[in-house]
Protein backbone atom coordinates (compact mmCIF):
# COMPACT_ATOMS: atom_id res chain seq x y z
CA MET A 1 63.45 91.21 116.61
CA GLY A 2 66.52 91.65 119.24
CA ASN A 3 67.91 94.72 120.40
CA TYR A 4 68.66 95.98 116.90
CA SER A 5 66.39 97.92 114.54
CA ILE A 6 69.80 98.93 111.92
CA VAL A 7 72.20 96.69 110.27
CA THR A 8 75.37 98.42 109.27
CA ILE A 9 77.81 97.05 106.34
CA GLU A 10 81.11 97.88 105.99
CA ARG A 11 83.17 95.32 103.43
CA GLU A 12 85.60 94.52 101.58
CA TYR A 13 85.56 94.84 97.52
CA ALA A 14 83.94 91.41 95.91
CA SER A 15 83.68 89.98 99.28
CA GLY A 16 79.37 90.01 98.68
CA GLY A 17 78.48 92.61 101.41
CA LYS A 18 75.76 94.14 99.05
CA GLU A 19 74.01 91.53 98.26
CA ILE A 20 74.44 90.45 101.62
CA GLY A 21 72.97 93.03 102.49
CA GLN A 22 69.97 92.94 100.13
CA LYS A 23 69.23 89.43 101.45
CA VAL A 24 69.13 90.68 105.25
CA ALA A 25 66.90 93.35 103.97
CA ASP A 26 64.61 91.47 102.02
CA ALA A 27 63.98 88.72 104.94
CA LEU A 28 63.43 91.86 107.41
CA GLN A 29 61.05 93.32 105.10
CA ILE A 30 63.24 96.51 105.53
CA PRO A 31 64.72 98.76 103.28
CA LEU A 32 68.42 99.04 102.37
CA TYR A 33 70.36 101.71 101.13
CA ASN A 34 73.62 102.45 99.86
CA ASN A 35 73.36 103.89 96.21
CA GLU A 36 70.94 106.14 97.53
CA ILE A 37 73.64 107.85 100.22
CA VAL A 38 75.09 109.48 97.24
CA SER A 39 72.09 110.33 95.16
CA MET A 40 70.36 112.29 98.34
CA ALA A 41 74.09 113.75 98.94
CA ALA A 42 74.69 115.18 95.48
CA GLN A 43 71.15 116.74 95.78
CA LYS A 44 71.78 118.25 99.46
CA LEU A 45 74.83 119.82 97.24
CA HIS A 46 73.34 120.80 94.73
CA VAL A 47 75.36 119.10 91.78
CA ASP A 48 75.16 115.44 90.12
CA PRO A 49 75.13 112.53 91.35
CA GLU A 50 77.96 111.36 88.99
CA TYR A 51 80.18 114.24 89.67
CA VAL A 52 80.70 112.59 93.79
CA ALA A 53 81.04 109.31 92.96
CA HIS A 54 83.81 110.94 90.38
CA ILE A 55 85.05 112.99 93.40
CA GLU A 56 84.93 109.41 96.07
CA GLU A 57 86.74 107.73 92.84
CA GLN A 58 89.59 109.89 93.70
CA MET A 59 90.38 108.32 96.82
CA THR A 60 93.93 107.02 96.74
CA GLY A 61 95.65 106.98 100.56
CA SER A 62 97.55 109.95 100.67
CA MET A 63 96.22 111.93 97.21
CA LEU A 64 92.58 111.88 98.53
CA PHE A 65 90.50 114.45 97.00
CA ASN A 66 93.14 116.51 95.65
CA LEU A 67 91.87 116.72 92.57
CA ALA A 68 88.27 117.36 93.96
CA MET A 69 89.88 120.00 96.20
CA SER A 70 90.69 122.54 93.21
CA ALA A 71 87.04 122.07 92.04
CA THR A 72 85.23 123.52 95.72
CA SER A 73 83.96 125.91 93.59
CA GLN A 74 81.87 123.99 91.50
CA LEU A 75 79.81 122.84 94.66
CA GLY A 76 78.64 126.50 94.74
CA ILE A 77 79.05 126.94 98.79
CA GLY A 78 81.10 129.83 100.05
CA THR A 79 81.90 127.26 103.03
CA GLY A 80 85.82 127.22 102.96
CA ARG A 81 85.70 123.70 103.74
CA SER A 82 87.00 121.00 101.28
CA VAL A 83 85.09 119.24 98.87
CA SER A 84 85.34 116.44 101.07
CA ASP A 85 84.14 117.79 103.89
CA GLN A 86 81.09 118.68 102.51
CA LEU A 87 80.71 115.39 101.00
CA PHE A 88 80.79 113.59 103.82
CA ARG A 89 78.77 115.97 105.99
CA ALA A 90 76.06 115.82 103.48
CA GLU A 91 76.60 111.72 103.48
CA CYS A 92 76.17 111.66 107.03
CA GLU A 93 73.10 114.02 107.89
CA VAL A 94 71.15 111.38 104.96
CA ILE A 95 72.49 108.58 106.43
CA GLN A 96 71.07 109.46 109.82
CA ASN A 97 67.62 110.52 108.72
CA PHE A 98 67.42 107.38 106.81
CA ALA A 99 68.33 105.91 110.92
CA GLN A 100 65.72 108.06 112.15
CA GLN A 101 62.80 106.87 109.56
CA GLY A 102 62.87 103.27 111.09
CA SER A 103 64.95 99.84 111.02
CA CYS A 104 67.01 99.15 107.37
CA VAL A 105 70.21 97.78 106.08
CA ILE A 106 72.81 100.72 105.51
CA VAL A 107 76.10 99.74 103.24
CA GLY A 108 79.11 101.41 103.50
CA ARG A 109 80.35 104.81 103.62
CA CYS A 110 81.55 105.18 107.09
CA VAL A 111 78.25 103.67 108.94
CA ASP A 112 79.15 102.16 111.73
CA HIS A 113 81.20 105.25 112.66
CA VAL A 114 78.15 108.10 111.17
CA LEU A 115 76.01 106.29 113.79
CA ARG A 116 78.37 105.07 116.69
CA ASN A 117 76.16 107.14 118.98
CA ARG A 118 72.89 104.85 118.55
CA LYS A 119 72.77 101.33 120.74
CA ASP A 120 70.34 99.79 118.37
CA CYS A 121 72.66 99.40 115.38
CA LEU A 122 74.58 95.42 114.20
CA ASN A 123 77.44 96.55 112.86
CA VAL A 124 78.48 94.30 110.58
CA PHE A 125 81.76 93.75 108.54
CA ILE A 126 82.24 91.76 105.59
CA TYR A 127 85.57 90.16 103.80
CA ALA A 128 87.04 86.98 102.17
CA ASP A 129 89.63 86.10 100.21
CA LEU A 130 91.43 87.51 97.60
CA LYS A 131 90.63 84.43 95.22
CA THR A 132 87.12 84.44 95.82
CA ARG A 133 86.77 87.65 95.43
CA LYS A 134 88.56 87.84 92.65
CA GLU A 135 85.91 85.08 91.26
CA ARG A 136 83.06 87.45 92.83
CA ALA A 137 84.18 90.44 90.36
CA ILE A 138 85.31 88.29 86.83
CA ARG A 139 82.11 87.29 87.47
CA GLN A 140 79.87 89.23 88.89
CA TYR A 141 81.29 92.57 88.11
CA GLY A 142 82.50 91.51 84.30
CA VAL A 143 86.08 92.87 85.78
CA ASP A 144 88.34 92.06 82.85
CA PRO A 145 90.64 88.97 84.77
CA SER A 146 93.92 90.46 83.46
CA TYR A 147 92.85 93.96 86.19
CA VAL A 148 91.09 91.63 88.44
CA GLU A 149 93.59 91.49 90.92
CA SER A 150 95.00 95.55 90.72
CA THR A 151 91.12 96.19 90.41
CA THR A 152 90.47 94.48 94.13
CA LYS A 153 93.29 95.84 95.67
CA LYS A 154 93.29 99.85 94.12
CA ASN A 155 88.92 99.47 95.55
CA ASP A 156 89.88 98.60 99.19
CA LYS A 157 92.70 100.86 98.93
CA ARG A 158 90.00 103.37 98.03
CA ARG A 159 87.84 101.95 100.74
CA SER A 160 89.97 102.26 103.52
CA ALA A 161 91.24 105.97 102.65
CA TYR A 162 87.84 107.11 102.28
CA TYR A 163 86.90 105.12 105.97
CA ASN A 164 90.43 106.97 107.38
CA VAL A 165 90.24 110.48 106.45
CA ASN A 166 86.46 110.67 107.17
CA THR A 167 86.96 109.18 110.73
CA SER A 168 90.77 109.25 111.86
CA LEU A 169 90.35 105.03 112.26
CA ALA A 170 91.66 102.80 110.30
CA TRP A 171 89.55 100.71 108.59
CA GLY A 172 88.18 97.50 109.62
CA LYS A 173 89.46 97.07 112.55
CA LYS A 174 86.86 93.80 114.34
CA GLU A 175 86.47 96.09 117.41
CA PHE A 176 84.17 98.08 115.24
CA TYR A 177 81.77 95.83 114.58
CA ASP A 178 79.65 93.33 116.21
CA LEU A 179 80.31 90.91 113.01
CA CYS A 180 82.73 89.93 110.84
CA LEU A 181 81.88 87.48 108.37
CA ASN A 182 83.99 85.45 106.16
CA SER A 183 81.93 85.37 102.49
CA GLY A 184 84.58 83.42 101.18
CA GLN A 185 84.78 81.04 103.65
CA LEU A 186 80.48 80.72 105.01
CA GLY A 187 79.03 81.15 102.05
CA VAL A 188 76.36 84.06 101.36
CA ASP A 189 73.33 82.64 102.56
CA SER A 190 75.35 81.84 105.80
CA CYS A 191 76.33 85.18 105.81
CA VAL A 192 72.88 86.42 106.21
CA SER A 193 71.38 83.88 108.10
CA ALA A 194 74.28 84.80 110.82
CA ILE A 195 73.33 88.44 110.48
CA LEU A 196 69.49 87.30 110.65
CA THR A 197 70.06 85.42 113.79
CA LEU A 198 71.76 88.55 115.59
CA PHE A 199 69.47 90.97 114.63
CA GLN A 200 66.41 88.89 115.34
CA GLY A 201 67.76 87.83 118.79
CA THR A 202 66.98 84.04 117.68
């Protein structure tokens, strides 16, 4: 391997970021963490993972977590902090624990920012043109063609809001990443190859 031991991936909705991450993890024979972050954060907060997922679904710009804020008592933690703050802190702890365990691929949830002080992270952002992402959403995610454009934009807005609120930075800015890949232009396998080449220093 090169100078890296961790791959972090942020991605636009339906750009293939999770698939790319899984293929990288498989090639390197290291674990990939994505949904596990939510389930373990929920465990820390003693709540159902579906409740955490529901909270994250409320992320829509300036109304981020407003609905969830009113349900702070459900967490049973008298910290005085908002649900969003408690959730992000728990997710940060989970991400940092995964990173301390050894080489891995971690997808989403501001991972590039959470691990920003580590020098062994290869930070990747995956994006694609809207047409490619709509086709993927329909074909792989089963999104209704009538709603695919609105669904794609809504999910991008949610991810952007989550990143902005929790980091006070703009989501997807190229200077935050070592590698920005257009999966629509390059294809999934070429993105995987580019990441592996840089990661392994070959």
